[in-house]
N, C-alpha and C. Protein backbone atom coordinates (compact mmCIF):
# COMPACT_ATOMS: atom_id res chain seq x y z
N UNK A 1 19.43 30.09 10.22
CA UNK A 1 18.45 29.79 9.20
C UNK A 1 18.93 28.58 8.40
N UNK A 2 18.09 27.57 8.30
CA UNK A 2 18.45 26.34 7.62
C UNK A 2 18.41 26.51 6.11
N UNK A 3 19.34 25.80 5.44
CA UNK A 3 19.47 25.89 3.99
C UNK A 3 19.01 24.59 3.35
N UNK A 4 18.18 24.72 2.31
CA UNK A 4 17.64 23.57 1.61
C UNK A 4 17.96 23.67 0.13
N UNK A 5 18.49 22.58 -0.42
CA UNK A 5 18.76 22.48 -1.85
C UNK A 5 17.66 21.63 -2.47
N UNK A 6 17.01 22.17 -3.50
CA UNK A 6 15.94 21.46 -4.21
C UNK A 6 16.45 21.08 -5.59
N UNK A 7 16.32 19.80 -5.94
CA UNK A 7 16.67 19.32 -7.28
C UNK A 7 15.43 18.70 -7.90
N UNK A 8 14.91 19.36 -8.91
CA UNK A 8 13.77 18.84 -9.68
C UNK A 8 13.95 19.33 -11.10
N UNK A 9 13.91 18.42 -12.07
CA UNK A 9 14.13 18.82 -13.46
C UNK A 9 12.93 19.55 -14.05
N UNK A 10 11.82 19.57 -13.34
CA UNK A 10 10.65 20.35 -13.76
C UNK A 10 10.72 21.69 -13.05
N UNK A 11 11.02 22.74 -13.82
CA UNK A 11 11.23 24.08 -13.25
C UNK A 11 10.04 24.54 -12.42
N UNK A 12 8.82 24.28 -12.90
CA UNK A 12 7.65 24.75 -12.16
C UNK A 12 7.51 24.04 -10.82
N UNK A 13 7.81 22.74 -10.77
CA UNK A 13 7.79 22.01 -9.49
C UNK A 13 8.83 22.59 -8.54
N UNK A 14 10.04 22.79 -9.05
CA UNK A 14 11.12 23.34 -8.22
C UNK A 14 10.74 24.72 -7.69
N UNK A 15 10.13 25.54 -8.54
CA UNK A 15 9.74 26.89 -8.12
C UNK A 15 8.71 26.86 -7.01
N UNK A 16 7.71 25.98 -7.14
CA UNK A 16 6.66 25.90 -6.12
C UNK A 16 7.24 25.40 -4.80
N UNK A 17 8.06 24.36 -4.84
CA UNK A 17 8.67 23.84 -3.62
C UNK A 17 9.54 24.92 -2.98
N UNK A 18 10.32 25.62 -3.79
CA UNK A 18 11.16 26.68 -3.27
C UNK A 18 10.31 27.77 -2.60
N UNK A 19 9.26 28.18 -3.25
CA UNK A 19 8.40 29.24 -2.72
C UNK A 19 7.77 28.80 -1.38
N UNK A 20 7.27 27.57 -1.32
CA UNK A 20 6.65 27.06 -0.10
C UNK A 20 7.66 27.02 1.05
N UNK A 21 8.87 26.55 0.77
CA UNK A 21 9.88 26.45 1.82
C UNK A 21 10.41 27.82 2.23
N UNK A 22 10.57 28.72 1.28
CA UNK A 22 10.99 30.08 1.63
C UNK A 22 9.93 30.77 2.49
N UNK A 23 8.67 30.46 2.24
CA UNK A 23 7.58 31.02 3.03
C UNK A 23 7.67 30.55 4.49
N UNK A 24 8.35 29.43 4.71
CA UNK A 24 8.55 28.90 6.06
C UNK A 24 9.90 29.33 6.64
N UNK A 25 10.51 30.35 6.03
CA UNK A 25 11.75 30.98 6.52
C UNK A 25 13.01 30.13 6.31
N UNK A 26 12.99 29.25 5.32
CA UNK A 26 14.20 28.53 4.94
C UNK A 26 14.91 29.30 3.83
N UNK A 27 16.22 29.13 3.74
CA UNK A 27 16.98 29.64 2.61
C UNK A 27 17.03 28.50 1.60
N UNK A 28 16.54 28.76 0.39
CA UNK A 28 16.39 27.68 -0.59
C UNK A 28 17.08 28.05 -1.90
N UNK A 29 17.81 27.07 -2.44
CA UNK A 29 18.36 27.17 -3.78
C UNK A 29 17.80 25.98 -4.56
N UNK A 30 17.33 26.23 -5.78
CA UNK A 30 16.85 25.11 -6.58
C UNK A 30 17.68 24.99 -7.85
N UNK A 31 17.89 23.74 -8.24
CA UNK A 31 18.59 23.43 -9.48
C UNK A 31 17.71 22.48 -10.28
N UNK A 32 17.93 22.46 -11.60
CA UNK A 32 17.07 21.65 -12.47
C UNK A 32 17.81 20.56 -13.23
N UNK A 33 19.11 20.46 -13.02
CA UNK A 33 19.89 19.45 -13.74
C UNK A 33 20.72 18.66 -12.75
N UNK A 34 20.62 17.34 -12.83
CA UNK A 34 21.31 16.48 -11.88
C UNK A 34 22.83 16.63 -11.93
N UNK A 35 23.37 17.04 -13.08
CA UNK A 35 24.82 17.21 -13.16
C UNK A 35 25.32 18.44 -12.39
N UNK A 36 24.40 19.27 -11.89
CA UNK A 36 24.77 20.43 -11.07
C UNK A 36 24.79 20.09 -9.58
N UNK A 37 24.38 18.89 -9.22
CA UNK A 37 24.17 18.54 -7.82
C UNK A 37 25.45 18.67 -6.98
N UNK A 38 26.53 18.05 -7.42
CA UNK A 38 27.74 18.06 -6.60
C UNK A 38 28.28 19.46 -6.36
N UNK A 39 28.31 20.29 -7.40
CA UNK A 39 28.80 21.65 -7.21
C UNK A 39 27.85 22.46 -6.34
N UNK A 40 26.55 22.23 -6.46
CA UNK A 40 25.59 22.94 -5.63
C UNK A 40 25.75 22.56 -4.16
N UNK A 41 25.98 21.28 -3.89
CA UNK A 41 26.22 20.84 -2.51
C UNK A 41 27.47 21.51 -1.96
N UNK A 42 28.52 21.51 -2.75
CA UNK A 42 29.79 22.08 -2.30
C UNK A 42 29.67 23.59 -2.06
N UNK A 43 29.03 24.29 -2.97
CA UNK A 43 28.94 25.75 -2.88
C UNK A 43 27.90 26.24 -1.88
N UNK A 44 26.77 25.55 -1.79
CA UNK A 44 25.66 26.01 -0.95
C UNK A 44 25.70 25.40 0.46
N UNK A 45 26.27 24.21 0.57
CA UNK A 45 26.36 23.47 1.84
C UNK A 45 24.99 23.37 2.53
N UNK A 46 24.06 22.66 1.90
CA UNK A 46 22.69 22.59 2.43
C UNK A 46 22.59 21.77 3.71
N UNK A 47 21.56 22.09 4.48
CA UNK A 47 21.22 21.30 5.67
C UNK A 47 20.28 20.16 5.31
N UNK A 48 19.68 20.25 4.11
CA UNK A 48 18.75 19.24 3.62
C UNK A 48 18.70 19.33 2.10
N UNK A 49 18.54 18.16 1.46
CA UNK A 49 18.35 18.11 0.02
C UNK A 49 16.96 17.51 -0.25
N UNK A 50 16.15 18.23 -1.02
CA UNK A 50 14.84 17.73 -1.47
C UNK A 50 15.01 17.44 -2.95
N UNK A 51 14.82 16.16 -3.33
CA UNK A 51 15.18 15.75 -4.69
C UNK A 51 14.10 14.86 -5.29
N UNK A 52 13.75 15.14 -6.53
CA UNK A 52 12.83 14.29 -7.28
C UNK A 52 13.55 12.98 -7.63
N UNK A 53 12.78 11.92 -7.81
CA UNK A 53 13.38 10.64 -8.21
C UNK A 53 13.63 10.62 -9.71
N UNK A 54 12.63 11.00 -10.49
CA UNK A 54 12.78 10.96 -11.95
C UNK A 54 13.41 12.27 -12.42
N UNK A 55 14.65 12.19 -12.86
CA UNK A 55 15.40 13.38 -13.25
C UNK A 55 15.85 13.31 -14.70
N UNK A 56 16.36 14.42 -15.18
CA UNK A 56 16.80 14.54 -16.57
C UNK A 56 17.87 13.52 -16.93
N UNK A 57 18.87 13.40 -16.10
CA UNK A 57 19.99 12.48 -16.37
C UNK A 57 20.26 11.68 -15.12
N UNK A 58 19.40 10.75 -14.84
CA UNK A 58 19.66 9.93 -13.68
C UNK A 58 18.43 9.70 -12.83
N UNK A 59 18.68 9.05 -11.75
CA UNK A 59 17.64 8.63 -10.83
C UNK A 59 17.97 9.20 -9.46
N UNK A 60 17.03 9.89 -8.85
CA UNK A 60 17.26 10.50 -7.56
C UNK A 60 17.65 9.51 -6.48
N UNK A 61 17.16 8.27 -6.59
CA UNK A 61 17.54 7.25 -5.59
C UNK A 61 19.02 6.95 -5.69
N UNK A 62 19.52 6.83 -6.91
CA UNK A 62 20.95 6.55 -7.09
C UNK A 62 21.81 7.74 -6.69
N UNK A 63 21.35 8.96 -7.01
CA UNK A 63 22.09 10.15 -6.58
C UNK A 63 22.10 10.25 -5.05
N UNK A 64 20.97 9.95 -4.44
CA UNK A 64 20.89 9.95 -2.98
C UNK A 64 21.88 8.95 -2.39
N UNK A 65 21.93 7.75 -2.95
CA UNK A 65 22.85 6.73 -2.45
C UNK A 65 24.30 7.17 -2.58
N UNK A 66 24.62 7.87 -3.66
CA UNK A 66 25.99 8.39 -3.85
C UNK A 66 26.30 9.45 -2.78
N UNK A 67 25.33 10.30 -2.48
CA UNK A 67 25.51 11.31 -1.43
C UNK A 67 25.77 10.62 -0.10
N UNK A 68 25.01 9.58 0.20
CA UNK A 68 25.11 8.88 1.48
C UNK A 68 26.40 8.04 1.60
N UNK A 69 26.96 7.63 0.47
CA UNK A 69 28.22 6.87 0.50
C UNK A 69 29.45 7.77 0.61
N UNK A 70 29.28 9.05 0.31
CA UNK A 70 30.39 10.01 0.33
C UNK A 70 30.59 10.50 1.76
N UNK A 71 31.80 10.35 2.29
CA UNK A 71 32.07 10.74 3.67
C UNK A 71 31.85 12.23 3.91
N UNK A 72 31.98 13.05 2.88
CA UNK A 72 31.81 14.50 3.04
C UNK A 72 30.34 14.92 3.04
N UNK A 73 29.45 14.10 2.49
CA UNK A 73 28.05 14.50 2.36
C UNK A 73 27.07 13.55 3.04
N UNK A 74 27.55 12.47 3.60
CA UNK A 74 26.65 11.43 4.12
C UNK A 74 25.71 11.90 5.22
N UNK A 75 26.07 12.97 5.92
CA UNK A 75 25.23 13.43 7.03
C UNK A 75 24.15 14.43 6.60
N UNK A 76 24.11 14.76 5.31
CA UNK A 76 23.06 15.66 4.82
C UNK A 76 21.79 14.83 4.61
N UNK A 77 20.70 15.18 5.31
CA UNK A 77 19.46 14.45 5.08
C UNK A 77 18.96 14.66 3.65
N UNK A 78 18.38 13.60 3.08
CA UNK A 78 17.81 13.66 1.72
C UNK A 78 16.35 13.25 1.79
N UNK A 79 15.49 14.11 1.26
CA UNK A 79 14.07 13.83 1.16
C UNK A 79 13.74 13.68 -0.32
N UNK A 80 13.30 12.49 -0.71
CA UNK A 80 12.93 12.24 -2.10
C UNK A 80 11.45 12.56 -2.31
N UNK A 81 11.15 13.07 -3.51
CA UNK A 81 9.76 13.30 -3.90
C UNK A 81 9.53 12.59 -5.23
N UNK A 82 8.32 12.07 -5.41
CA UNK A 82 8.06 11.33 -6.63
C UNK A 82 6.57 11.21 -6.92
N UNK A 83 6.27 11.07 -8.20
CA UNK A 83 4.91 10.77 -8.64
C UNK A 83 4.72 9.27 -8.84
N UNK A 84 5.79 8.49 -8.61
CA UNK A 84 5.70 7.04 -8.75
C UNK A 84 4.78 6.45 -7.69
N UNK A 85 4.30 5.25 -7.97
CA UNK A 85 3.62 4.48 -6.95
C UNK A 85 4.67 4.01 -5.94
N UNK A 86 4.24 3.77 -4.72
CA UNK A 86 5.19 3.33 -3.70
C UNK A 86 5.93 2.06 -4.12
N UNK A 87 5.22 1.11 -4.74
CA UNK A 87 5.85 -0.14 -5.17
C UNK A 87 6.91 0.10 -6.23
N UNK A 88 6.69 1.10 -7.11
CA UNK A 88 7.69 1.44 -8.12
C UNK A 88 8.90 2.09 -7.48
N UNK A 89 8.67 2.98 -6.54
CA UNK A 89 9.76 3.72 -5.90
C UNK A 89 10.69 2.80 -5.14
N UNK A 90 10.16 1.69 -4.65
CA UNK A 90 10.97 0.76 -3.85
C UNK A 90 11.77 -0.23 -4.69
N UNK A 91 11.62 -0.19 -6.02
CA UNK A 91 12.34 -1.13 -6.89
C UNK A 91 13.84 -0.90 -6.85
N UNK A 92 14.26 0.33 -6.62
CA UNK A 92 15.68 0.64 -6.44
C UNK A 92 15.84 1.06 -4.99
N UNK A 93 16.58 0.29 -4.19
CA UNK A 93 16.75 0.65 -2.78
C UNK A 93 17.42 2.02 -2.64
N UNK A 94 16.97 2.75 -1.64
CA UNK A 94 17.49 4.09 -1.42
C UNK A 94 17.83 4.29 0.04
N UNK A 95 18.87 5.07 0.27
CA UNK A 95 19.26 5.42 1.64
C UNK A 95 18.68 6.77 2.05
N UNK A 96 17.61 7.19 1.39
CA UNK A 96 16.98 8.48 1.69
C UNK A 96 16.47 8.50 3.12
N UNK A 97 16.43 9.70 3.68
CA UNK A 97 15.93 9.88 5.04
C UNK A 97 14.41 10.00 5.07
N UNK A 98 13.81 10.18 3.90
CA UNK A 98 12.36 10.27 3.80
C UNK A 98 11.93 10.33 2.35
N UNK A 99 10.65 10.08 2.13
CA UNK A 99 10.09 10.15 0.77
C UNK A 99 8.67 10.68 0.87
N UNK A 100 8.31 11.50 -0.08
CA UNK A 100 6.95 12.02 -0.19
C UNK A 100 6.44 11.71 -1.59
N UNK A 101 5.21 11.20 -1.65
CA UNK A 101 4.61 10.85 -2.93
C UNK A 101 3.70 11.97 -3.40
N UNK A 102 3.83 12.31 -4.69
CA UNK A 102 2.99 13.35 -5.30
C UNK A 102 1.63 12.76 -5.64
N UNK A 103 0.59 13.55 -5.61
CA UNK A 103 0.58 14.93 -5.14
C UNK A 103 0.62 14.95 -3.62
N UNK A 104 1.37 15.88 -3.06
CA UNK A 104 1.46 15.98 -1.60
C UNK A 104 1.01 17.36 -1.18
N UNK A 105 0.56 17.44 0.05
CA UNK A 105 0.18 18.77 0.51
C UNK A 105 1.39 19.40 1.18
N UNK A 106 1.43 20.71 1.13
CA UNK A 106 2.62 21.42 1.57
C UNK A 106 2.77 21.44 3.08
N UNK A 107 1.70 21.20 3.80
CA UNK A 107 1.81 21.06 5.26
C UNK A 107 2.63 19.81 5.58
N UNK A 108 2.35 18.74 4.85
CA UNK A 108 3.08 17.49 5.05
C UNK A 108 4.56 17.67 4.66
N UNK A 109 4.82 18.37 3.56
CA UNK A 109 6.20 18.66 3.15
C UNK A 109 6.91 19.44 4.26
N UNK A 110 6.28 20.47 4.75
CA UNK A 110 6.88 21.30 5.79
C UNK A 110 7.17 20.47 7.04
N UNK A 111 6.24 19.61 7.43
CA UNK A 111 6.42 18.76 8.62
C UNK A 111 7.62 17.84 8.44
N UNK A 112 7.73 17.20 7.26
CA UNK A 112 8.85 16.29 7.02
C UNK A 112 10.17 17.05 7.01
N UNK A 113 10.18 18.22 6.38
CA UNK A 113 11.40 19.04 6.32
C UNK A 113 11.84 19.40 7.73
N UNK A 114 10.93 19.88 8.55
CA UNK A 114 11.25 20.26 9.94
C UNK A 114 11.81 19.06 10.71
N UNK A 115 11.21 17.90 10.52
CA UNK A 115 11.66 16.69 11.22
C UNK A 115 13.08 16.31 10.80
N UNK A 116 13.39 16.46 9.52
CA UNK A 116 14.72 16.07 9.02
C UNK A 116 15.81 17.08 9.38
N UNK A 117 15.45 18.33 9.50
CA UNK A 117 16.44 19.35 9.84
C UNK A 117 16.65 19.45 11.34
N UNK A 118 15.63 19.14 12.11
CA UNK A 118 15.60 19.22 13.59
C UNK A 118 15.61 20.68 13.99
């Protein structure tokens, strides 16, 4: 069973994403503070990270880039989610494996998640 870590500083968004992914038989842990990310990765060892771009203390694109530069975490796929316009989201380059723009339908989320986890 694949494990997914969700990082979204909006608790209701994180809850909905978690519920949708759990309904698809994934094991999901969600966190709401970007400063919890490293310990959550270490403790949970996710197969995929689903992360919002606009966070409480930081930018999901920069956190994603840090994950991808770290030799211990670089192979974990990262899927970014955002309410930004595509042109805004591209202002900071990201090494994310995928991005979904809000509002998104959950079928599309599920399809992207499946593709990234294999």
